[in-house]
């Protein structure tokens, strides 16, 4: 398990491109046949992936967690961004197609991932936060999610937001998780931007052509920087930072949050005219 320490808003303006990428960008997820994790000191977030190929992969614990098993004091959101697979939690199996989302509650002892076909393996994105109470393990199918339509063609940000783990969906202690799909011809996400100091946010960009990139904007509204992000890479966004981006081609992204509340609309707006 890689350990990652966040920079604060004071150090941020002086960081080089290399330092920004090392601190806020995770580039080594989704390795075939492996489970990998990064522990971020920001809200004690754990970000990971599982790509089962020739056989099942079992969620391990790690000495950094100081726990008997991974979910002893944690909860876990799981989004499949690859081929068909299964997630089995304490003997209960969920069939996961692409964009199906599962939740494993605190106290779940064994989590196992499999792929239906080695040639087209499942790619499970994993996001975990500490949990102080237990909620049932469950799954929601992509076909059963009701999208929220935002944006417009005129502003190049027409998009559908799918909320999976939240107050009115899969129940959790503090994890909020979903994903956004952009319409053809729309490339901007999260515009106009915002911050929410009460919650950190994690962005996984996926379904991006290997030859293209997302230009992710971050930082305090009056001190922004950008990072170029490839397919299946993750941005860690502190509460003081905006989190918006534009792609050179069509893409999707998974957003996940943990912090003080689960209110999706808890945002502090950052008007475009005030960005610097």
C-alpha atoms as a PDB file:
ATOM      1  CA  UNK A   1       0.000   0.000   0.000  1.00  0.00           C
ATOM      2  CA  UNK A   2       1.456   3.289  -1.136  1.00  0.00           C
ATOM      3  CA  UNK A   3       1.245   6.173   1.356  1.00  0.00           C
ATOM      4  CA  UNK A   4       0.468   9.653   0.029  1.00  0.00           C
ATOM      5  CA  UNK A   5       0.670  12.918   1.982  1.00  0.00           C
ATOM      6  CA  UNK A   6      -1.274  15.925   0.736  1.00  0.00           C
ATOM      7  CA  UNK A   7       0.098  19.404   0.191  1.00  0.00           C
ATOM      8  CA  UNK A   8      -1.805  22.377   1.589  1.00  0.00           C
ATOM      9  CA  UNK A   9      -2.997  25.537  -0.135  1.00  0.00           C
ATOM     10  CA  UNK A  10       0.080  27.459   1.087  1.00  0.00           C
ATOM     11  CA  UNK A  11       2.620  25.106  -0.497  1.00  0.00           C
ATOM     12  CA  UNK A  12       0.518  24.480  -3.619  1.00  0.00           C
ATOM     13  CA  UNK A  13       1.389  27.670  -5.624  1.00  0.00           C
ATOM     14  CA  UNK A  14       5.137  26.954  -5.381  1.00  0.00           C
ATOM     15  CA  UNK A  15       4.992  23.350  -6.585  1.00  0.00           C
ATOM     16  CA  UNK A  16       6.502  22.278  -9.890  1.00  0.00           C
ATOM     17  CA  UNK A  17       4.602  20.189 -12.419  1.00  0.00           C
ATOM     18  CA  UNK A  18       6.475  17.093 -11.257  1.00  0.00           C
ATOM     19  CA  UNK A  19       5.620  17.823  -7.611  1.00  0.00           C
ATOM     20  CA  UNK A  20       1.960  18.405  -8.452  1.00  0.00           C
ATOM     21  CA  UNK A  21       1.769  15.113 -10.330  1.00  0.00           C
ATOM     22  CA  UNK A  22       3.524  13.217  -7.563  1.00  0.00           C
ATOM     23  CA  UNK A  23       1.185  14.636  -4.916  1.00  0.00           C
ATOM     24  CA  UNK A  24      -2.244  14.766  -6.554  1.00  0.00           C
ATOM     25  CA  UNK A  25      -2.179  12.210  -9.408  1.00  0.00           C
ATOM     26  CA  UNK A  26      -2.305   8.414  -9.113  1.00  0.00           C
ATOM     27  CA  UNK A  27      -0.968   6.793 -12.282  1.00  0.00           C
ATOM     28  CA  UNK A  28      -0.342   3.165 -11.332  1.00  0.00           C
ATOM     29  CA  UNK A  29      -3.824   1.662 -10.901  1.00  0.00           C
ATOM     30  CA  UNK A  30      -5.500  -1.194 -12.793  1.00  0.00           C
ATOM     31  CA  UNK A  31      -2.606  -3.587 -13.186  1.00  0.00           C
ATOM     32  CA  UNK A  32      -3.786  -6.947 -14.622  1.00  0.00           C
ATOM     33  CA  UNK A  33      -3.936  -9.698 -12.042  1.00  0.00           C
ATOM     34  CA  UNK A  34      -3.369  -7.364  -9.087  1.00  0.00           C
ATOM     35  CA  UNK A  35      -5.046  -5.435  -6.296  1.00  0.00           C
ATOM     36  CA  UNK A  36      -3.334  -2.140  -5.510  1.00  0.00           C
ATOM     37  CA  UNK A  37      -4.003   0.615  -2.979  1.00  0.00           C
ATOM     38  CA  UNK A  38      -2.885   4.102  -2.007  1.00  0.00           C
ATOM     39  CA  UNK A  39      -3.559   5.466   1.487  1.00  0.00           C
ATOM     40  CA  UNK A  40      -4.042   9.244   1.476  1.00  0.00           C
ATOM     41  CA  UNK A  41      -3.771  11.162   4.739  1.00  0.00           C
ATOM     42  CA  UNK A  42      -6.571  13.444   3.487  1.00  0.00           C
ATOM     43  CA  UNK A  43      -9.697  12.151   5.293  1.00  0.00           C
ATOM     44  CA  UNK A  44      -7.856   8.799   5.584  1.00  0.00           C
ATOM     45  CA  UNK A  45      -8.943   7.909   2.068  1.00  0.00           C
ATOM     46  CA  UNK A  46      -7.918   4.599   0.503  1.00  0.00           C
ATOM     47  CA  UNK A  47      -7.983   4.472  -3.306  1.00  0.00           C
ATOM     48  CA  UNK A  48      -7.446   1.244  -5.182  1.00  0.00           C
ATOM     49  CA  UNK A  49      -8.217  -1.128  -8.013  1.00  0.00           C
ATOM     50  CA  UNK A  50      -8.656  -4.844  -8.635  1.00  0.00           C
ATOM     51  CA  UNK A  51      -8.211  -6.434 -12.066  1.00  0.00           C
ATOM     52  CA  UNK A  52      -8.717 -10.215 -11.776  1.00  0.00           C
ATOM     53  CA  UNK A  53      -7.469 -12.182 -14.770  1.00  0.00           C
ATOM     54  CA  UNK A  54      -6.584 -15.893 -14.508  1.00  0.00           C
ATOM     55  CA  UNK A  55      -8.134 -16.292 -11.060  1.00  0.00           C
ATOM     56  CA  UNK A  56      -9.971 -14.522  -8.243  1.00  0.00           C
ATOM     57  CA  UNK A  57      -8.415 -11.741  -6.201  1.00  0.00           C
ATOM     58  CA  UNK A  58      -9.152 -11.430  -2.485  1.00  0.00           C
ATOM     59  CA  UNK A  59      -9.120  -8.042  -0.796  1.00  0.00           C
ATOM     60  CA  UNK A  60      -6.157  -7.996   1.609  1.00  0.00           C
ATOM     61  CA  UNK A  61      -5.613  -5.900   4.663  1.00  0.00           C
ATOM     62  CA  UNK A  62      -2.410  -3.958   5.182  1.00  0.00           C
ATOM     63  CA  UNK A  63      -0.230  -3.113   8.204  1.00  0.00           C
ATOM     64  CA  UNK A  64      -0.862   0.591   7.521  1.00  0.00           C
ATOM     65  CA  UNK A  65      -4.531   0.088   8.473  1.00  0.00           C
ATOM     66  CA  UNK A  66      -3.727  -1.573  11.815  1.00  0.00           C
ATOM     67  CA  UNK A  67      -6.762  -3.813  11.378  1.00  0.00           C
ATOM     68  CA  UNK A  68      -7.451  -7.532  11.380  1.00  0.00           C
ATOM     69  CA  UNK A  69      -9.197  -7.278   8.007  1.00  0.00           C
ATOM     70  CA  UNK A  70      -9.622  -4.446   5.510  1.00  0.00           C
ATOM     71  CA  UNK A  71     -13.209  -3.503   6.369  1.00  0.00           C
ATOM     72  CA  UNK A  72     -12.953  -3.919  10.123  1.00  0.00           C
ATOM     73  CA  UNK A  73     -13.447  -0.158  10.559  1.00  0.00           C
ATOM     74  CA  UNK A  74     -14.044   0.907   6.947  1.00  0.00           C
ATOM     75  CA  UNK A  75     -16.608   0.899   4.147  1.00  0.00           C
ATOM     76  CA  UNK A  76     -15.909   0.336   0.452  1.00  0.00           C
ATOM     77  CA  UNK A  77     -17.384   1.588  -2.818  1.00  0.00           C
ATOM     78  CA  UNK A  78     -16.784  -0.537  -5.924  1.00  0.00           C
ATOM     79  CA  UNK A  79     -17.363   0.542  -9.546  1.00  0.00           C
ATOM     80  CA  UNK A  80     -16.688  -1.771 -12.474  1.00  0.00           C
ATOM     81  CA  UNK A  81     -15.194   0.141 -15.427  1.00  0.00           C
ATOM     82  CA  UNK A  82     -14.148  -2.978 -17.371  1.00  0.00           C
ATOM     83  CA  UNK A  83     -15.565  -6.300 -18.540  1.00  0.00           C
ATOM     84  CA  UNK A  84     -18.100  -8.470 -16.774  1.00  0.00           C
ATOM     85  CA  UNK A  85     -17.128  -9.857 -13.368  1.00  0.00           C
ATOM     86  CA  UNK A  86     -18.332 -10.665  -9.884  1.00  0.00           C
ATOM     87  CA  UNK A  87     -17.878  -9.256  -6.406  1.00  0.00           C
ATOM     88  CA  UNK A  88     -18.423 -11.684  -3.542  1.00  0.00           C
ATOM     89  CA  UNK A  89     -18.773 -10.268  -0.016  1.00  0.00           C
ATOM     90  CA  UNK A  90     -18.870 -12.809   2.815  1.00  0.00           C
ATOM     91  CA  UNK A  91     -20.317 -15.435   0.476  1.00  0.00           C
ATOM     92  CA  UNK A  92     -22.880 -13.191  -1.244  1.00  0.00           C
ATOM     93  CA  UNK A  93     -22.110 -12.786  -4.952  1.00  0.00           C
ATOM     94  CA  UNK A  94     -23.026  -9.827  -7.145  1.00  0.00           C
ATOM     95  CA  UNK A  95     -22.829 -10.040 -10.948  1.00  0.00           C
ATOM     96  CA  UNK A  96     -21.195  -6.805 -12.104  1.00  0.00           C
ATOM     97  CA  UNK A  97     -21.428  -5.518 -15.649  1.00  0.00           C
ATOM     98  CA  UNK A  98     -19.684  -2.330 -16.679  1.00  0.00           C
ATOM     99  CA  UNK A  99     -20.848   0.689 -14.620  1.00  0.00           C
ATOM    100  CA  UNK A 100     -22.537  -1.443 -11.976  1.00  0.00           C
ATOM    101  CA  UNK A 101     -21.707  -0.192  -8.485  1.00  0.00           C
ATOM    102  CA  UNK A 102     -21.437  -2.181  -5.240  1.00  0.00           C
ATOM    103  CA  UNK A 103     -21.074  -1.228  -1.604  1.00  0.00           C
ATOM    104  CA  UNK A 104     -19.405  -3.347   1.086  1.00  0.00           C
ATOM    105  CA  UNK A 105     -20.228  -2.264   4.603  1.00  0.00           C
ATOM    106  CA  UNK A 106     -18.126  -2.063   7.721  1.00  0.00           C
ATOM    107  CA  UNK A 107     -17.474  -5.464   9.241  1.00  0.00           C
ATOM    108  CA  UNK A 108     -17.404  -7.374   5.943  1.00  0.00           C
ATOM    109  CA  UNK A 109     -14.579  -9.861   6.349  1.00  0.00           C
ATOM    110  CA  UNK A 110     -13.988 -11.298   2.878  1.00  0.00           C
ATOM    111  CA  UNK A 111     -14.278  -9.530  -0.483  1.00  0.00           C
ATOM    112  CA  UNK A 112     -13.382 -11.499  -3.627  1.00  0.00           C
ATOM    113  CA  UNK A 113     -13.213 -10.224  -7.209  1.00  0.00           C
ATOM    114  CA  UNK A 114     -13.403 -12.330 -10.391  1.00  0.00           C
ATOM    115  CA  UNK A 115     -13.635 -11.757 -14.152  1.00  0.00           C
ATOM    116  CA  UNK A 116     -15.826 -13.689 -16.535  1.00  0.00           C
ATOM    117  CA  UNK A 117     -13.211 -13.607 -19.319  1.00  0.00           C
ATOM    118  CA  UNK A 118      -9.455 -13.175 -18.994  1.00  0.00           C
ATOM    119  CA  UNK A 119      -9.345 -11.492 -22.413  1.00  0.00           C
ATOM    120  CA  UNK A 120     -11.784  -8.803 -21.224  1.00  0.00           C
ATOM    121  CA  UNK A 121     -11.277  -8.611 -17.476  1.00  0.00           C
ATOM    122  CA  UNK A 122     -13.373  -6.665 -15.032  1.00  0.00           C
ATOM    123  CA  UNK A 123     -11.672  -3.523 -13.737  1.00  0.00           C
ATOM    124  CA  UNK A 124     -12.936  -2.686 -10.263  1.00  0.00           C
ATOM    125  CA  UNK A 125     -12.280   0.811  -8.968  1.00  0.00           C
ATOM    126  CA  UNK A 126     -12.170   0.857  -5.167  1.00  0.00           C
ATOM    127  CA  UNK A 127     -12.750   3.807  -2.839  1.00  0.00           C
ATOM    128  CA  UNK A 128     -12.788   3.455   0.941  1.00  0.00           C
ATOM    129  CA  UNK A 129     -13.282   5.699   3.974  1.00  0.00           C
ATOM    130  CA  UNK A 130     -13.452   5.032   7.705  1.00  0.00           C
ATOM    131  CA  UNK A 131     -16.965   4.111   8.865  1.00  0.00           C
ATOM    132  CA  UNK A 132     -18.427   4.535  12.322  1.00  0.00           C
ATOM    133  CA  UNK A 133     -21.551   2.482  11.744  1.00  0.00           C
ATOM    134  CA  UNK A 134     -22.556  -0.475   9.585  1.00  0.00           C
ATOM    135  CA  UNK A 135     -24.774  -0.468   6.510  1.00  0.00           C
ATOM    136  CA  UNK A 136     -25.831  -3.496   4.428  1.00  0.00           C
ATOM    137  CA  UNK A 137     -23.702  -4.703   1.556  1.00  0.00           C
ATOM    138  CA  UNK A 138     -25.627  -4.108  -1.676  1.00  0.00           C
ATOM    139  CA  UNK A 139     -25.313  -3.410  -5.397  1.00  0.00           C
ATOM    140  CA  UNK A 140     -27.086  -1.173  -7.901  1.00  0.00           C
ATOM    141  CA  UNK A 141     -27.162  -1.923 -11.626  1.00  0.00           C
ATOM    142  CA  UNK A 142     -26.357   0.823 -14.102  1.00  0.00           C
ATOM    143  CA  UNK A 143     -29.716   0.219 -15.803  1.00  0.00           C
ATOM    144  CA  UNK A 144     -31.527   1.023 -12.539  1.00  0.00           C
ATOM    145  CA  UNK A 145     -29.844   4.379 -11.928  1.00  0.00           C
ATOM    146  CA  UNK A 146     -31.797   7.529 -12.756  1.00  0.00           C
ATOM    147  CA  UNK A 147     -29.514  10.139 -14.352  1.00  0.00           C
ATOM    148  CA  UNK A 148     -29.505  13.820 -13.477  1.00  0.00           C
ATOM    149  CA  UNK A 149     -29.144  15.886 -16.662  1.00  0.00           C
ATOM    150  CA  UNK A 150     -26.917  18.969 -16.402  1.00  0.00           C
ATOM    151  CA  UNK A 151     -25.153  21.386 -18.726  1.00  0.00           C
ATOM    152  CA  UNK A 152     -25.906  22.346 -22.317  1.00  0.00           C
ATOM    153  CA  UNK A 153     -24.587  21.850 -25.833  1.00  0.00           C
ATOM    154  CA  UNK A 154     -23.868  25.587 -26.056  1.00  0.00           C
ATOM    155  CA  UNK A 155     -21.405  25.408 -23.148  1.00  0.00           C
ATOM    156  CA  UNK A 156     -19.926  22.038 -24.237  1.00  0.00           C
ATOM    157  CA  UNK A 157     -20.830  20.381 -20.928  1.00  0.00           C
ATOM    158  CA  UNK A 158     -24.053  18.448 -21.481  1.00  0.00           C
ATOM    159  CA  UNK A 159     -23.752  15.452 -19.194  1.00  0.00           C
ATOM    160  CA  UNK A 160     -25.602  12.787 -17.215  1.00  0.00           C
ATOM    161  CA  UNK A 161     -24.799  12.332 -13.524  1.00  0.00           C
ATOM    162  CA  UNK A 162     -25.440   8.935 -11.963  1.00  0.00           C
ATOM    163  CA  UNK A 163     -25.550   8.879  -8.160  1.00  0.00           C
ATOM    164  CA  UNK A 164     -25.037   5.374  -6.746  1.00  0.00           C
ATOM    165  CA  UNK A 165     -23.870   5.563  -3.114  1.00  0.00           C
ATOM    166  CA  UNK A 166     -25.628   8.482  -1.426  1.00  0.00           C
ATOM    167  CA  UNK A 167     -28.435   9.334   0.984  1.00  0.00           C
ATOM    168  CA  UNK A 168     -31.234   8.248  -1.370  1.00  0.00           C
ATOM    169  CA  UNK A 169     -29.392   5.329  -2.949  1.00  0.00           C
ATOM    170  CA  UNK A 170     -27.034   2.706  -1.557  1.00  0.00           C
ATOM    171  CA  UNK A 171     -26.716   3.631   2.111  1.00  0.00           C
ATOM    172  CA  UNK A 172     -23.301   4.380   3.615  1.00  0.00           C
ATOM    173  CA  UNK A 173     -21.722   6.014   6.642  1.00  0.00           C
ATOM    174  CA  UNK A 174     -19.852   8.844   4.884  1.00  0.00           C
ATOM    175  CA  UNK A 175     -18.945   7.622   1.386  1.00  0.00           C
ATOM    176  CA  UNK A 176     -20.682   9.303  -1.561  1.00  0.00           C
ATOM    177  CA  UNK A 177     -19.942   7.870  -4.989  1.00  0.00           C
ATOM    178  CA  UNK A 178     -21.206   8.039  -8.558  1.00  0.00           C
ATOM    179  CA  UNK A 179     -20.096   8.803 -12.093  1.00  0.00           C
ATOM    180  CA  UNK A 180     -20.677  11.236 -14.935  1.00  0.00           C
ATOM    181  CA  UNK A 181     -21.061  10.460 -18.634  1.00  0.00           C
ATOM    182  CA  UNK A 182     -20.597  13.277 -21.134  1.00  0.00           C
ATOM    183  CA  UNK A 183     -22.723  13.613 -24.251  1.00  0.00           C
ATOM    184  CA  UNK A 184     -21.078  13.454 -27.658  1.00  0.00           C
ATOM    185  CA  UNK A 185     -19.514  16.834 -28.442  1.00  0.00           C
ATOM    186  CA  UNK A 186     -19.319  17.877 -24.786  1.00  0.00           C
ATOM    187  CA  UNK A 187     -15.900  17.903 -23.137  1.00  0.00           C
ATOM    188  CA  UNK A 188     -16.180  20.060 -20.002  1.00  0.00           C
ATOM    189  CA  UNK A 189     -16.999  18.560 -16.636  1.00  0.00           C
ATOM    190  CA  UNK A 190     -18.020  20.331 -13.398  1.00  0.00           C
ATOM    191  CA  UNK A 191     -18.472  23.741 -14.987  1.00  0.00           C
ATOM    192  CA  UNK A 192     -18.990  26.192 -13.378  1.00  0.00           C
ATOM    193  CA  UNK A 193     -16.557  24.829 -10.758  1.00  0.00           C
ATOM    194  CA  UNK A 194     -16.857  24.811  -7.003  1.00  0.00           C
ATOM    195  CA  UNK A 195     -15.118  23.827  -3.800  1.00  0.00           C
ATOM    196  CA  UNK A 196     -16.481  22.113  -0.696  1.00  0.00           C
ATOM    197  CA  UNK A 197     -14.124  22.393   2.222  1.00  0.00           C
ATOM    198  CA  UNK A 198     -16.223  19.943   4.228  1.00  0.00           C
ATOM    199  CA  UNK A 199     -15.501  17.072   1.826  1.00  0.00           C
ATOM    200  CA  UNK A 200     -12.479  15.954  -0.163  1.00  0.00           C
ATOM    201  CA  UNK A 201     -13.178  14.494  -3.601  1.00  0.00           C
ATOM    202  CA  UNK A 202     -11.538  11.821  -5.730  1.00  0.00           C
ATOM    203  CA  UNK A 203     -11.836  11.739  -9.545  1.00  0.00           C
ATOM    204  CA  UNK A 204     -11.190   8.631 -11.653  1.00  0.00           C
ATOM    205  CA  UNK A 205     -11.079   9.422 -15.370  1.00  0.00           C
ATOM    206  CA  UNK A 206     -11.918   6.464 -17.615  1.00  0.00           C
ATOM    207  CA  UNK A 207     -13.093   5.519 -21.117  1.00  0.00           C
ATOM    208  CA  UNK A 208     -10.540   7.963 -22.530  1.00  0.00           C
ATOM    209  CA  UNK A 209      -8.722   7.013 -25.748  1.00  0.00           C
ATOM    210  CA  UNK A 210      -5.020   6.281 -25.068  1.00  0.00           C
ATOM    211  CA  UNK A 211      -3.919   9.049 -27.453  1.00  0.00           C
ATOM    212  CA  UNK A 212      -5.952  11.698 -25.617  1.00  0.00           C
ATOM    213  CA  UNK A 213      -5.871  13.441 -22.235  1.00  0.00           C
ATOM    214  CA  UNK A 214      -8.101  15.307 -19.801  1.00  0.00           C
ATOM    215  CA  UNK A 215      -6.787  18.705 -18.725  1.00  0.00           C
ATOM    216  CA  UNK A 216      -7.794  18.777 -15.063  1.00  0.00           C
ATOM    217  CA  UNK A 217      -8.004  22.188 -13.385  1.00  0.00           C
ATOM    218  CA  UNK A 218      -7.264  22.349  -9.672  1.00  0.00           C
ATOM    219  CA  UNK A 219      -6.226  24.666  -6.870  1.00  0.00           C
ATOM    220  CA  UNK A 220      -7.867  27.597  -5.057  1.00  0.00           C
ATOM    221  CA  UNK A 221     -10.148  29.523  -7.460  1.00  0.00           C
ATOM    222  CA  UNK A 222      -7.708  32.463  -7.584  1.00  0.00           C
ATOM    223  CA  UNK A 223      -4.578  30.265  -7.936  1.00  0.00           C
ATOM    224  CA  UNK A 224      -5.349  27.459 -10.365  1.00  0.00           C
ATOM    225  CA  UNK A 225      -3.020  24.954 -11.988  1.00  0.00           C
ATOM    226  CA  UNK A 226      -3.639  22.075 -14.368  1.00  0.00           C
ATOM    227  CA  UNK A 227      -2.597  18.454 -14.753  1.00  0.00           C
ATOM    228  CA  UNK A 228      -2.855  16.286 -17.862  1.00  0.00           C
ATOM    229  CA  UNK A 229      -4.544  13.016 -16.959  1.00  0.00           C
ATOM    230  CA  UNK A 230      -4.634   9.754 -18.942  1.00  0.00           C
ATOM    231  CA  UNK A 231      -7.194   6.960 -19.005  1.00  0.00           C
ATOM    232  CA  UNK A 232      -7.824   5.249 -15.631  1.00  0.00           C
ATOM    233  CA  UNK A 233      -5.796   7.738 -13.660  1.00  0.00           C
ATOM    234  CA  UNK A 234      -6.995   9.402 -10.451  1.00  0.00           C
ATOM    235  CA  UNK A 235      -6.917  12.968  -9.148  1.00  0.00           C
ATOM    236  CA  UNK A 236      -7.047  13.645  -5.395  1.00  0.00           C
ATOM    237  CA  UNK A 237      -8.852  16.933  -4.764  1.00  0.00           C
ATOM    238  CA  UNK A 238      -8.618  18.606  -1.320  1.00  0.00           C
ATOM    239  CA  UNK A 239     -11.550  20.625  -0.031  1.00  0.00           C
ATOM    240  CA  UNK A 240      -9.851  23.933  -0.887  1.00  0.00           C
ATOM    241  CA  UNK A 241      -9.399  23.006  -4.552  1.00  0.00           C
ATOM    242  CA  UNK A 242     -11.700  23.285  -7.530  1.00  0.00           C
ATOM    243  CA  UNK A 243     -12.019  20.108  -9.589  1.00  0.00           C
ATOM    244  CA  UNK A 244     -12.960  20.576 -13.205  1.00  0.00           C
ATOM    245  CA  UNK A 245     -11.583  19.538 -16.526  1.00  0.00           C
ATOM    246  CA  UNK A 246     -11.847  19.387 -20.282  1.00  0.00           C
ATOM    247  CA  UNK A 247     -10.867  16.496 -22.509  1.00  0.00           C
ATOM    248  CA  UNK A 248      -9.290  16.372 -25.920  1.00  0.00           C
ATOM    249  CA  UNK A 249     -11.749  13.555 -26.626  1.00  0.00           C
ATOM    250  CA  UNK A 250     -14.837  12.057 -25.032  1.00  0.00           C
ATOM    251  CA  UNK A 251     -14.381  10.483 -21.578  1.00  0.00           C
ATOM    252  CA  UNK A 252     -16.192   9.582 -18.359  1.00  0.00           C
ATOM    253  CA  UNK A 253     -15.278  10.027 -14.731  1.00  0.00           C
ATOM    254  CA  UNK A 254     -16.160   8.569 -11.351  1.00  0.00           C
ATOM    255  CA  UNK A 255     -16.464  10.977  -8.437  1.00  0.00           C
ATOM    256  CA  UNK A 256     -16.280   9.968  -4.816  1.00  0.00           C
ATOM    257  CA  UNK A 257     -16.323  11.949  -1.578  1.00  0.00           C
ATOM    258  CA  UNK A 258     -15.927  11.538   2.144  1.00  0.00           C
ATOM    259  CA  UNK A 259     -16.157  14.096   4.913  1.00  0.00           C
ATOM    260  CA  UNK A 260     -18.623  15.984   7.061  1.00  0.00           C
ATOM    261  CA  UNK A 261     -21.847  15.211   5.198  1.00  0.00           C
ATOM    262  CA  UNK A 262     -23.437  13.393   2.265  1.00  0.00           C
ATOM    263  CA  UNK A 263     -25.316  16.336   0.751  1.00  0.00           C
ATOM    264  CA  UNK A 264     -24.580  16.230  -2.986  1.00  0.00           C
ATOM    265  CA  UNK A 265     -25.385  19.943  -3.384  1.00  0.00           C
ATOM    266  CA  UNK A 266     -23.100  21.129  -0.564  1.00  0.00           C
ATOM    267  CA  UNK A 267     -20.908  23.316  -2.787  1.00  0.00           C
ATOM    268  CA  UNK A 268     -19.239  26.716  -2.571  1.00  0.00           C
ATOM    269  CA  UNK A 269     -19.468  28.189  -6.057  1.00  0.00           C
ATOM    270  CA  UNK A 270     -16.433  29.546  -7.867  1.00  0.00           C
ATOM    271  CA  UNK A 271     -17.732  31.765 -10.711  1.00  0.00           C
ATOM    272  CA  UNK A 272     -15.827  31.378 -13.954  1.00  0.00           C
ATOM    273  CA  UNK A 273     -15.159  35.128 -14.118  1.00  0.00           C
ATOM    274  CA  UNK A 274     -13.291  34.950 -10.801  1.00  0.00           C
ATOM    275  CA  UNK A 275     -10.945  32.109 -11.750  1.00  0.00           C
ATOM    276  CA  UNK A 276      -7.272  32.971 -12.062  1.00  0.00           C
END
